[in-house]
Amino acid sequence: MANDVKPRVKVPKSAKAGEVVVLKTLISHPMETGLRKDSKGELVPRSIINRFTCDFNGKNVIDVTLQPAVSTNPYFEFEAVVPEAGEFKFTWYDDDGSVYEDAKAIAIA
């Protein structure tokens, strides 16, 4: 598990039924490729976020596969239709098996 990994998400508090909203996510993560060497000349173990998903009320909104070329602290901004009140669940998957999650509710205005 990478140290100090912190997911952050921004979701509007409310929307009209059927409205398209913008969702923003950022996760603080070093994204080590496994190719860099430490001060002792040893390879730093690979540790990247290799997958990101977002679900709304259990239905998939986005599913992204990431590669080692992605920079530190991956940021995603995307749109989603809000058909009803509910909860967006955001999940990041790390190479080492760690899973980081955050969730935000949205109401219908």
Protein backbone atom coordinates (compact mmCIF):
# COMPACT_ATOMS: atom_id res chain seq x y z
CA MET A 1 0.00 0.00 0.00
CA ALA A 2 1.37 3.39 -1.00
CA ASN A 3 1.75 5.88 1.84
CA ASP A 4 -0.47 8.95 2.22
CA VAL A 5 -2.91 7.98 -0.54
CA LYS A 6 -5.86 10.34 -0.37
CA PRO A 7 -8.79 10.28 -2.80
CA ARG A 8 -10.72 13.51 -3.34
CA VAL A 9 -13.93 13.95 -5.29
CA LYS A 10 -16.15 16.87 -6.23
CA VAL A 11 -19.83 16.18 -6.92
CA PRO A 12 -22.64 18.77 -7.01
CA LYS A 13 -24.93 18.56 -3.96
CA SER A 14 -28.02 18.49 -6.19
CA ALA A 15 -29.17 18.38 -9.80
CA LYS A 16 -32.39 18.19 -11.78
CA ALA A 17 -33.55 14.72 -12.86
CA GLY A 18 -31.87 13.92 -16.18
CA GLU A 19 -29.30 16.70 -15.84
CA VAL A 20 -25.69 16.16 -16.91
CA VAL A 21 -23.25 16.99 -14.11
CA VAL A 22 -19.46 17.31 -14.07
CA LEU A 23 -17.59 15.04 -11.64
CA LYS A 24 -13.98 15.67 -10.65
CA THR A 25 -11.62 13.28 -8.91
CA LEU A 26 -8.01 13.40 -7.79
CA ILE A 27 -6.06 10.81 -5.86
CA SER A 28 -2.75 11.61 -4.19
CA HIS A 29 -0.55 8.69 -5.24
CA PRO A 30 3.17 8.47 -6.22
CA MET A 31 2.58 6.20 -9.27
CA GLU A 32 5.93 4.36 -9.19
CA THR A 33 6.64 2.64 -12.53
CA GLY A 34 9.09 0.10 -11.12
CA LEU A 35 11.86 1.50 -13.34
CA ARG A 36 13.27 4.16 -10.99
CA LYS A 37 16.13 3.41 -8.59
CA ASP A 38 16.41 4.59 -5.00
CA SER A 39 19.52 6.13 -3.38
CA LYS A 40 20.99 2.63 -2.86
CA GLY A 41 20.62 1.79 -6.56
CA GLU A 42 17.77 -0.66 -5.99
CA LEU A 43 14.60 -0.57 -8.06
CA VAL A 44 11.64 1.09 -6.37
CA PRO A 45 8.78 -1.44 -6.56
CA ARG A 46 6.03 -0.71 -9.08
CA SER A 47 2.96 0.81 -7.48
CA ILE A 48 0.44 2.44 -9.77
CA ILE A 49 -3.27 2.98 -9.78
CA ASN A 50 -4.13 0.60 -12.61
CA ARG A 51 -7.91 1.05 -12.71
CA PHE A 52 -10.50 3.68 -11.80
CA THR A 53 -14.26 3.17 -11.72
CA CYS A 54 -17.29 5.27 -10.89
CA ASP A 55 -20.75 3.82 -10.25
CA PHE A 56 -24.07 5.57 -9.66
CA ASN A 57 -26.55 3.62 -7.56
CA GLY A 58 -24.74 0.40 -8.50
CA LYS A 59 -24.60 1.10 -12.26
CA ASN A 60 -21.25 1.71 -13.92
CA VAL A 61 -20.65 5.25 -15.19
CA ILE A 62 -16.97 4.97 -16.15
CA ASP A 63 -14.27 2.29 -16.04
CA VAL A 64 -10.71 3.35 -16.93
CA THR A 65 -7.57 1.23 -17.23
CA LEU A 66 -4.36 3.13 -16.42
CA GLN A 67 -0.82 2.45 -17.57
CA PRO A 68 2.56 3.30 -15.95
CA ALA A 69 2.91 6.43 -18.12
CA VAL A 70 0.15 8.17 -16.13
CA SER A 71 1.54 10.95 -13.97
CA THR A 72 1.59 11.19 -10.20
CA ASN A 73 -1.76 12.08 -8.59
CA PRO A 74 -4.13 11.04 -11.41
CA TYR A 75 -6.99 13.50 -12.05
CA PHE A 76 -10.23 12.67 -13.84
CA GLU A 77 -13.00 15.01 -14.92
CA PHE A 78 -16.03 13.54 -16.65
CA GLU A 79 -19.78 13.99 -17.09
CA ALA A 80 -22.63 11.80 -15.90
CA VAL A 81 -26.41 11.94 -16.21
CA VAL A 82 -28.27 12.03 -12.90
CA PRO A 83 -31.61 10.23 -13.43
CA GLU A 84 -32.53 10.20 -9.73
CA ALA A 85 -31.21 10.96 -6.27
CA GLY A 86 -28.45 8.61 -5.23
CA GLU A 87 -24.78 8.07 -4.60
CA PHE A 88 -21.71 8.13 -6.77
CA LYS A 89 -19.10 5.58 -5.67
CA PHE A 90 -15.52 6.11 -6.80
CA THR A 91 -12.96 3.30 -6.65
CA TRP A 92 -9.22 3.28 -7.40
CA TYR A 93 -7.31 -0.03 -7.69
CA ASP A 94 -3.57 -0.24 -6.92
CA ASP A 95 -1.08 -2.81 -8.29
CA ASP A 96 -0.38 -3.99 -4.76
CA GLY A 97 -4.01 -5.02 -4.25
CA SER A 98 -5.03 -1.93 -2.30
CA VAL A 99 -8.42 -0.44 -3.08
CA TYR A 100 -9.26 3.18 -2.30
CA GLU A 101 -12.87 4.33 -2.22
CA ASP A 102 -14.92 7.46 -1.76
CA ALA A 103 -18.63 8.13 -2.19
CA LYS A 104 -20.76 11.26 -2.54
CA ALA A 105 -24.53 11.61 -2.50
CA ILE A 106 -26.48 13.82 -4.88
CA ALA A 107 -30.05 15.01 -4.39
CA ILE A 108 -32.68 15.91 -6.96
CA ALA A 109 -33.54 19.61 -6.84
